[in-house]
Structure formats: C-alpha cells, structure tokens
PDB file of N, CA and C in Angstrom:
ATOM      1  N   MET A   1     134.053  69.699  68.947  1.00  0.00           N
ATOM      2  CA  MET A   1     133.690  69.560  70.515  1.00  0.00           C
ATOM      3  C   MET A   1     132.697  70.804  70.829  1.00  0.00           C
ATOM      4  N   LYS A   2     133.195  71.945  70.157  1.00  0.00           N
ATOM      5  CA  LYS A   2     132.475  73.351  70.338  1.00  0.00           C
ATOM      6  C   LYS A   2     131.021  73.030  69.702  1.00  0.00           C
ATOM      7  N   VAL A   3     130.847  72.376  68.842  1.00  0.00           N
ATOM      8  CA  VAL A   3     129.436  72.228  68.337  1.00  0.00           C
ATOM      9  C   VAL A   3     128.566  71.419  69.189  1.00  0.00           C
ATOM     10  N   ILE A   4     129.144  70.438  69.781  1.00  0.00           N
ATOM     11  CA  ILE A   4     128.353  69.511  70.861  1.00  0.00           C
ATOM     12  C   ILE A   4     127.965  70.409  72.015  1.00  0.00           C
ATOM     13  N   VAL A   5     128.936  71.106  72.571  1.00  0.00           N
ATOM     14  CA  VAL A   5     128.596  71.949  73.700  1.00  0.00           C
ATOM     15  C   VAL A   5     127.734  73.116  73.309  1.00  0.00           C
ATOM     16  N   PHE A   6     127.826  73.535  72.151  1.00  0.00           N
ATOM     17  CA  PHE A   6     126.467  74.507  71.685  1.00  0.00           C
ATOM     18  C   PHE A   6     125.278  73.863  71.533  1.00  0.00           C
ATOM     19  N   ILE A   7     125.118  72.587  71.018  1.00  0.00           N
ATOM     20  CA  ILE A   7     123.901  71.956  70.881  1.00  0.00           C
ATOM     21  C   ILE A   7     123.205  71.598  72.212  1.00  0.00           C
ATOM     22  N   VAL A   8     124.091  71.106  73.058  1.00  0.00           N
ATOM     23  CA  VAL A   8     123.590  70.905  74.418  1.00  0.00           C
ATOM     24  C   VAL A   8     123.004  72.178  75.330  1.00  0.00           C
ATOM     25  N   CYS A   9     123.866  73.113  75.169  1.00  0.00           N
ATOM     26  CA  CYS A   9     123.370  74.619  75.702  1.00  0.00           C
ATOM     27  C   CYS A   9     122.056  74.893  75.164  1.00  0.00           C
ATOM     28  N   CYS A  10     121.941  74.804  73.882  1.00  0.00           N
ATOM     29  CA  CYS A  10     120.538  75.347  73.061  1.00  0.00           C
ATOM     30  C   CYS A  10     119.529  74.272  73.718  1.00  0.00           C
ATOM     31  N   ALA A  11     119.700  73.113  73.651  1.00  0.00           N
ATOM     32  CA  ALA A  11     118.705  72.103  74.118  1.00  0.00           C
ATOM     33  C   ALA A  11     118.140  72.393  75.591  1.00  0.00           C
ATOM     34  N   VAL A  12     119.222  72.790  76.456  1.00  0.00           N
ATOM     35  CA  VAL A  12     118.805  73.050  77.898  1.00  0.00           C
ATOM     36  C   VAL A  12     117.997  74.412  77.892  1.00  0.00           C
ATOM     37  N   LEU A  13     118.397  75.404  77.056  1.00  0.00           N
ATOM     38  CA  LEU A  13     117.728  76.634  77.157  1.00  0.00           C
ATOM     39  C   LEU A  13     116.361  76.540  76.540  1.00  0.00           C
ATOM     40  N   ILE A  14     116.121  75.700  75.416  1.00  0.00           N
ATOM     41  CA  ILE A  14     114.741  75.480  74.906  1.00  0.00           C
ATOM     42  C   ILE A  14     113.888  74.439  75.695  1.00  0.00           C
ATOM     43  N   GLY A  15     114.544  73.850  76.669  1.00  0.00           N
ATOM     44  CA  GLY A  15     113.575  72.745  77.677  1.00  0.00           C
ATOM     45  C   GLY A  15     113.762  71.369  77.074  1.00  0.00           C
ATOM     46  N   LEU A  16     114.636  71.082  76.087  1.00  0.00           N
ATOM     47  CA  LEU A  16     114.606  69.564  75.546  1.00  0.00           C
ATOM     48  C   LEU A  16     115.320  68.902  76.756  1.00  0.00           C
ATOM     49  N   VAL A  17     116.204  69.410  77.317  1.00  0.00           N
ATOM     50  CA  VAL A  17     117.026  68.562  78.164  1.00  0.00           C
ATOM     51  C   VAL A  17     117.138  69.372  79.743  1.00  0.00           C
ATOM     52  N   LYS A  18     116.713  68.766  80.685  1.00  0.00           N
ATOM     53  CA  LYS A  18     116.553  69.466  81.939  1.00  0.00           C
ATOM     54  C   LYS A  18     118.025  69.412  82.616  1.00  0.00           C
ATOM     55  N   ALA A  19     118.235  70.765  83.035  1.00  0.00           N
ATOM     56  CA  ALA A  19     119.484  71.077  83.812  1.00  0.00           C
ATOM     57  C   ALA A  19     119.301  70.505  85.220  1.00  0.00           C
ATOM     58  N   GLU A  20     120.327  70.058  85.746  1.00  0.00           N
ATOM     59  CA  GLU A  20     120.372  69.473  86.981  1.00  0.00           C
ATOM     60  C   GLU A  20     120.861  70.378  88.121  1.00  0.00           C
ATOM     61  N   SER A  21     120.736  71.765  87.893  1.00  0.00           N
ATOM     62  CA  SER A  21     121.193  72.626  88.876  1.00  0.00           C
ATOM     63  C   SER A  21     120.056  72.777  90.117  1.00  0.00           C
ATOM     64  N   LYS A  22     120.545  72.835  91.252  1.00  0.00           N
ATOM     65  CA  LYS A  22     119.518  73.051  92.454  1.00  0.00           C
ATOM     66  C   LYS A  22     119.763  74.360  93.080  1.00  0.00           C
ATOM     67  N   LEU A  23     118.668  75.117  93.423  1.00  0.00           N
ATOM     68  CA  LEU A  23     118.806  76.251  94.228  1.00  0.00           C
ATOM     69  C   LEU A  23     118.777  75.987  95.646  1.00  0.00           C
ATOM     70  N   LEU A  24     119.874  76.466  96.434  1.00  0.00           N
ATOM     71  CA  LEU A  24     119.833  76.308  97.798  1.00  0.00           C
ATOM     72  C   LEU A  24     119.175  77.420  98.612  1.00  0.00           C
ATOM     73  N   CYS A  25     118.513  77.124  99.762  1.00  0.00           N
ATOM     74  CA  CYS A  25     117.859  77.996 100.427  1.00  0.00           C
ATOM     75  C   CYS A  25     118.823  78.837 101.164  1.00  0.00           C
ATOM     76  N   VAL A  26     118.650  80.112 101.179  1.00  0.00           N
ATOM     77  CA  VAL A  26     119.571  80.999 102.154  1.00  0.00           C
ATOM     78  C   VAL A  26     118.758  81.505 103.204  1.00  0.00           C
ATOM     79  N   ASN A  27     119.213  81.143 104.362  1.00  0.00           N
ATOM     80  CA  ASN A  27     118.369  81.382 105.698  1.00  0.00           C
ATOM     81  C   ASN A  27     117.082  81.157 105.654  1.00  0.00           C
ATOM     82  N   GLY A  28     116.657  80.039 104.895  1.00  0.00           N
ATOM     83  CA  GLY A  28     115.126  79.626 104.806  1.00  0.00           C
ATOM     84  C   GLY A  28     114.480  80.509 103.836  1.00  0.00           C
ATOM     85  N   VAL A  29     115.154  81.226 102.850  1.00  0.00           N
ATOM     86  CA  VAL A  29     114.460  82.088 101.695  1.00  0.00           C
ATOM     87  C   VAL A  29     114.852  81.591 100.571  1.00  0.00           C
ATOM     88  N   CYS A  30     113.948  81.473  99.410  1.00  0.00           N
ATOM     89  CA  CYS A  30     114.299  81.183  98.131  1.00  0.00           C
ATOM     90  C   CYS A  30     113.818  82.190  97.195  1.00  0.00           C
ATOM     91  N   PRO A  31     114.241  82.252  95.897  1.00  0.00           N
ATOM     92  CA  PRO A  31     113.781  83.314  95.084  1.00  0.00           C
ATOM     93  C   PRO A  31     112.359  83.173  94.895  1.00  0.00           C
ATOM     94  N   SER A  32     111.669  84.184  94.128  1.00  0.00           N
ATOM     95  CA  SER A  32     110.168  84.134  94.111  1.00  0.00           C
ATOM     96  C   SER A  32     109.884  83.103  93.069  1.00  0.00           C
ATOM     97  N   GLY A  33     108.768  82.394  93.413  1.00  0.00           N
ATOM     98  CA  GLY A  33     108.223  81.292  92.541  1.00  0.00           C
ATOM     99  C   GLY A  33     108.650  79.903  93.207  1.00  0.00           C
ATOM    100  N   TYR A  34     109.623  79.952  94.095  1.00  0.00           N
ATOM    101  CA  TYR A  34     110.231  78.781  94.959  1.00  0.00           C
ATOM    102  C   TYR A  34     110.002  78.872  96.414  1.00  0.00           C
ATOM    103  N   THR A  35     109.875  77.788  97.097  1.00  0.00           N
ATOM    104  CA  THR A  35     109.757  77.608  98.635  1.00  0.00           C
ATOM    105  C   THR A  35     110.733  76.691  98.901  1.00  0.00           C
ATOM    106  N   CYS A  36     111.101  76.957 100.240  1.00  0.00           N
ATOM    107  CA  CYS A  36     112.402  76.101 100.855  1.00  0.00           C
ATOM    108  C   CYS A  36     111.705  74.977 101.336  1.00  0.00           C
ATOM    109  N   ASN A  37     112.408  73.622 101.005  1.00  0.00           N
ATOM    110  CA  ASN A  37     112.195  72.418 101.783  1.00  0.00           C
ATOM    111  C   ASN A  37     113.088  72.474 102.893  1.00  0.00           C
ATOM    112  N   CYS A  38     112.528  72.513 104.064  1.00  0.00           N
ATOM    113  CA  CYS A  38     113.467  72.685 105.334  1.00  0.00           C
ATOM    114  C   CYS A  38     114.243  71.376 105.461  1.00  0.00           C
ATOM    115  N   ASN A  39     113.838  70.205 105.043  1.00  0.00           N
ATOM    116  CA  ASN A  39     114.361  68.996 105.199  1.00  0.00           C
ATOM    117  C   ASN A  39     115.857  68.951 104.467  1.00  0.00           C
ATOM    118  N   THR A  40     115.625  69.450 103.186  1.00  0.00           N
ATOM    119  CA  THR A  40     116.864  69.352 102.286  1.00  0.00           C
ATOM    120  C   THR A  40     117.708  70.654 102.153  1.00  0.00           C
ATOM    121  N   ASP A  41     117.119  71.933 102.611  1.00  0.00           N
ATOM    122  CA  ASP A  41     117.530  73.296 102.254  1.00  0.00           C
ATOM    123  C   ASP A  41     117.751  73.376 100.837  1.00  0.00           C
ATOM    124  N   ILE A  42     116.771  72.739  99.950  1.00  0.00           N
ATOM    125  CA  ILE A  42     116.659  73.131  98.402  1.00  0.00           C
ATOM    126  C   ILE A  42     115.400  73.821  98.075  1.00  0.00           C
ATOM    127  N   CYS A  43     115.643  74.728  97.184  1.00  0.00           N
ATOM    128  CA  CYS A  43     114.385  75.542  96.714  1.00  0.00           C
ATOM    129  C   CYS A  43     113.533  74.656  95.701  1.00  0.00           C
ATOM    130  N   GLU A  44     112.262  74.603  95.898  1.00  0.00           N
ATOM    131  CA  GLU A  44     111.477  73.899  95.122  1.00  0.00           C
ATOM    132  C   GLU A  44     110.464  74.766  94.490  1.00  0.00           C
ATOM    133  N   PRO A  45     109.980  74.607  93.269  1.00  0.00           N
ATOM    134  CA  PRO A  45     108.906  75.208  92.602  1.00  0.00           C
ATOM    135  C   PRO A  45     107.705  75.267  93.541  1.00  0.00           C
ATOM    136  N   VAL A  46     107.061  76.498  93.634  1.00  0.00           N
ATOM    137  CA  VAL A  46     105.714  76.425  94.387  1.00  0.00           C
ATOM    138  C   VAL A  46     104.589  75.740  93.555  1.00  0.00           C
ATOM    139  N   LYS A  47     103.885  75.012  94.236  1.00  0.00           N
ATOM    140  CA  LYS A  47     102.779  74.468  93.475  1.00  0.00           C
ATOM    141  C   LYS A  47     101.507  75.254  93.330  1.00  0.00           C
ATOM    142  N   PRO A  48     101.015  75.024  92.209  1.00  0.00           N
ATOM    143  CA  PRO A  48      99.775  76.088  91.987  1.00  0.00           C
ATOM    144  C   PRO A  48      98.668  75.678  93.094  1.00  0.00           C
ATOM    145  N   CYS A  49      97.969  76.774  93.440  1.00  0.00           N
ATOM    146  CA  CYS A  49      96.873  76.530  94.287  1.00  0.00           C
ATOM    147  C   CYS A  49      95.608  76.034  93.533  1.00  0.00           C
ATOM    148  N   THR A  50      95.239  74.923  93.717  1.00  0.00           N
ATOM    149  CA  THR A  50      94.066  74.382  93.006  1.00  0.00           C
ATOM    150  C   THR A  50      93.036  73.461  94.009  1.00  0.00           C
ATOM    151  N   ASP A  51      91.913  73.246  93.575  1.00  0.00           N
ATOM    152  CA  ASP A  51      91.143  72.240  94.303  1.00  0.00           C
ATOM    153  C   ASP A  51      91.145  71.001  93.620  1.00  0.00           C
ATOM    154  N   ALA A  52      91.370  69.891  94.471  1.00  0.00           N
ATOM    155  CA  ALA A  52      91.404  68.511  93.738  1.00  0.00           C
ATOM    156  C   ALA A  52      90.013  67.973  93.600  1.00  0.00           C
ATOM    157  N   SER A  53      89.009  68.502  94.146  1.00  0.00           N
ATOM    158  CA  SER A  53      87.504  67.991  93.842  1.00  0.00           C
ATOM    159  C   SER A  53      86.868  69.045  93.192  1.00  0.00           C
ATOM    160  N   SER A  54      85.894  68.597  92.266  1.00  0.00           N
ATOM    161  CA  SER A  54      85.165  69.454  91.600  1.00  0.00           C
ATOM    162  C   SER A  54      83.853  69.688  92.558  1.00  0.00           C
ATOM    163  N   ASN A  55      83.776  69.052  93.721  1.00  0.00           N
ATOM    164  CA  ASN A  55      82.619  69.292  94.590  1.00  0.00           C
ATOM    165  C   ASN A  55      82.659  70.358  95.563  1.00  0.00           C
ATOM    166  N   CYS A  56      83.929  71.093  95.499  1.00  0.00           N
ATOM    167  CA  CYS A  56      84.274  72.036  96.604  1.00  0.00           C
ATOM    168  C   CYS A  56      83.316  73.256  96.478  1.00  0.00           C
ATOM    169  N   VAL A  57      82.880  73.700  95.436  1.00  0.00           N
ATOM    170  CA  VAL A  57      81.801  74.887  95.502  1.00  0.00           C
ATOM    171  C   VAL A  57      80.708  74.484  96.539  1.00  0.00           C
ATOM    172  N   ASN A  58      80.144  73.128  96.383  1.00  0.00           N
ATOM    173  CA  ASN A  58      78.960  72.709  97.226  1.00  0.00           C
ATOM    174  C   ASN A  58      79.498  72.484  98.610  1.00  0.00           C
ATOM    175  N   TRP A  59      80.717  71.805  98.786  1.00  0.00           N
ATOM    176  CA  TRP A  59      81.246  71.496 100.151  1.00  0.00           C
ATOM    177  C   TRP A  59      81.355  72.835 100.745  1.00  0.00           C
ATOM    178  N   VAL A  60      82.081  73.850 100.141  1.00  0.00           N
ATOM    179  CA  VAL A  60      82.246  75.137 100.936  1.00  0.00           C
ATOM    180  C   VAL A  60      80.987  75.721 101.389  1.00  0.00           C
ATOM    181  N   LYS A  61      79.964  75.577 100.591  1.00  0.00           N
ATOM    182  CA  LYS A  61      78.475  76.178 100.943  1.00  0.00           C
ATOM    183  C   LYS A  61      77.973  75.466 102.179  1.00  0.00           C
ATOM    184  N   ASN A  62      78.436  74.177 102.375  1.00  0.00           N
ATOM    185  CA  ASN A  62      77.912  73.433 103.554  1.00  0.00           C
ATOM    186  C   ASN A  62      78.779  73.394 104.636  1.00  0.00           C
ATOM    187  N   GLY A  63      79.900  74.356 104.708  1.00  0.00           N
ATOM    188  CA  GLY A  63      80.747  74.512 105.874  1.00  0.00           C
ATOM    189  C   GLY A  63      81.979  73.650 105.843  1.00  0.00           C
ATOM    190  N   PHE A  64      82.389  72.979 104.885  1.00  0.00           N
ATOM    191  CA  PHE A  64      83.481  72.218 104.774  1.00  0.00           C
ATOM    192  C   PHE A  64      84.883  72.974 105.288  1.00  0.00           C
ATOM    193  N   CYS A  65      84.937  74.063 104.920  1.00  0.00           N
ATOM    194  CA  CYS A  65      86.441  74.707 105.275  1.00  0.00           C
ATOM    195  C   CYS A  65      86.578  75.020 106.777  1.00  0.00           C
ATOM    196  N   HIS A  66      85.426  75.062 107.539  1.00  0.00           N
ATOM    197  CA  HIS A  66      85.488  75.309 108.885  1.00  0.00           C
ATOM    198  C   HIS A  66      85.039  74.182 109.769  1.00  0.00           C
ATOM    199  N   ASN A  67      84.648  73.085 109.099  1.00  0.00           N
ATOM    200  CA  ASN A  67      84.026  71.910 109.843  1.00  0.00           C
ATOM    201  C   ASN A  67      85.265  71.138 110.513  1.00  0.00           C
ATOM    202  N   THR A  68      85.207  71.071 111.802  1.00  0.00           N
ATOM    203  CA  THR A  68      86.340  70.372 112.625  1.00  0.00           C
ATOM    204  C   THR A  68      86.272  68.926 112.456  1.00  0.00           C
ATOM    205  N   PHE A  69      85.336  68.352 111.856  1.00  0.00           N
ATOM    206  CA  PHE A  69      85.178  66.957 111.482  1.00  0.00           C
ATOM    207  C   PHE A  69      86.333  66.561 110.599  1.00  0.00           C
ATOM    208  N   TYR A  70      86.693  67.568 109.633  1.00  0.00           N
ATOM    209  CA  TYR A  70      87.762  67.231 108.734  1.00  0.00           C
ATOM    210  C   TYR A  70      88.979  67.850 109.140  1.00  0.00           C
ATOM    211  N   THR A  71      90.001  67.276 109.092  1.00  0.00           N
ATOM    212  CA  THR A  71      91.398  67.661 109.494  1.00  0.00           C
ATOM    213  C   THR A  71      91.995  68.838 108.534  1.00  0.00           C
ATOM    214  N   PRO A  72      92.806  69.815 109.010  1.00  0.00           N
ATOM    215  CA  PRO A  72      93.190  70.784 108.195  1.00  0.00           C
ATOM    216  C   PRO A  72      93.946  70.225 106.896  1.00  0.00           C
ATOM    217  N   GLU A  73      94.629  69.118 106.936  1.00  0.00           N
ATOM    218  CA  GLU A  73      95.243  68.259 105.793  1.00  0.00           C
ATOM    219  C   GLU A  73      94.177  67.974 104.829  1.00  0.00           C
ATOM    220  N   GLN A  74      93.071  67.505 105.267  1.00  0.00           N
ATOM    221  CA  GLN A  74      91.929  66.964 104.363  1.00  0.00           C
ATOM    222  C   GLN A  74      91.405  68.225 103.620  1.00  0.00           C
ATOM    223  N   ARG A  75      91.252  69.189 104.410  1.00  0.00           N
ATOM    224  CA  ARG A  75      90.565  70.588 103.725  1.00  0.00           C
ATOM    225  C   ARG A  75      91.536  70.933 102.642  1.00  0.00           C
ATOM    226  N   LYS A  76      92.965  71.032 102.990  1.00  0.00           N
ATOM    227  CA  LYS A  76      93.971  71.628 101.959  1.00  0.00           C
ATOM    228  C   LYS A  76      94.049  70.517 100.846  1.00  0.00           C
ATOM    229  N   LYS A  77      94.000  69.231 101.133  1.00  0.00           N
ATOM    230  CA  LYS A  77      94.036  68.266 100.107  1.00  0.00           C
ATOM    231  C   LYS A  77      92.965  68.401  99.035  1.00  0.00           C
ATOM    232  N   TYR A  78      91.719  68.594  99.474  1.00  0.00           N
ATOM    233  CA  TYR A  78      90.788  68.481  98.588  1.00  0.00           C
ATOM    234  C   TYR A  78      90.229  69.873  98.058  1.00  0.00           C
ATOM    235  N   CYS A  79      90.354  70.802  98.958  1.00  0.00           N
ATOM    236  CA  CYS A  79      89.676  72.286  98.507  1.00  0.00           C
ATOM    237  C   CYS A  79      90.721  73.402  98.894  1.00  0.00           C
ATOM    238  N   ALA A  80      92.000  73.203  98.574  1.00  0.00           N
ATOM    239  CA  ALA A  80      92.748  74.328  99.074  1.00  0.00           C
ATOM    240  C   ALA A  80      92.549  75.572  98.574  1.00  0.00           C
ATOM    241  N   LYS A  81      92.168  75.812  97.288  1.00  0.00           N
ATOM    242  CA  LYS A  81      91.834  76.998  96.824  1.00  0.00           C
ATOM    243  C   LYS A  81      90.561  77.653  97.244  1.00  0.00           C
ATOM    244  N   SER A  82      89.495  76.777  97.299  1.00  0.00           N
ATOM    245  CA  SER A  82      88.183  77.384  97.742  1.00  0.00           C
ATOM    246  C   SER A  82      88.318  77.666  99.161  1.00  0.00           C
ATOM    247  N   CYS A  83      89.033  76.920 100.046  1.00  0.00           N
ATOM    248  CA  CYS A  83      89.216  77.233 101.509  1.00  0.00           C
ATOM    249  C   CYS A  83      90.193  78.418 101.678  1.00  0.00           C
ATOM    250  N   ASN A  84      90.890  78.904 100.889  1.00  0.00           N
ATOM    251  CA  ASN A  84      91.924  79.948 100.787  1.00  0.00           C
ATOM    252  C   ASN A  84      93.080  79.340 101.747  1.00  0.00           C
ATOM    253  N   LEU A  85      93.478  78.368 101.576  1.00  0.00           N
ATOM    254  CA  LEU A  85      94.578  77.570 102.320  1.00  0.00           C
ATOM    255  C   LEU A  85      95.831  77.610 101.554  1.00  0.00           C
ATOM    256  N   CYS A  86      96.026  78.328 100.502  1.00  0.00           N
ATOM    257  CA  CYS A  86      97.515  78.479  99.810  1.00  0.00           C
ATOM    258  C   CYS A  86      97.454  79.712  99.165  1.00  0.00           C
TER     259      CYS A  86
END
C-alpha cells in the first residue's frame, strides 16, 4: 500500500496526474498568479496576455484600440496585449 501511495504522490509532483485541489478566494483575493472567479469564489490561473490576431500591429496604427465602433470586449478579444487591456 505504501508503494502505491508513493507512486501516486510522485506522479502528482511531476505532473503526470492532476491534483484536484482548488484554491478558494479569501475576501476576493488569491495568491500571485491566480485571479478570483467571483461566481465560484475559486482562484483560477491568470491567463497570459496575448493578441488573438496577427493583424493587431496594423489595427493599432489605424486606431483600433480607441475606436468606439468596436466594443471593449472586441478590442480585448482580438488585441488585448497591443491595446494594453490586460
């Protein structure tokens, strides 16, 4: 039995098996690298800030980040990094 427990613990440590522990938000605060999901009070890993489109460089030059024709959600979805939205 000790051998099985040891193997499972080692597998979790090296990432072969995902541990099912969840971090809970404390007063809306999570550890560094996590953000609080207010709907569930569970800390989730922070998503990296990236652009979804390879056209962002040109779009930013043409005013995409400040053009009110596009919603804030659209700007964040397509060019979050280039528009400094994360």
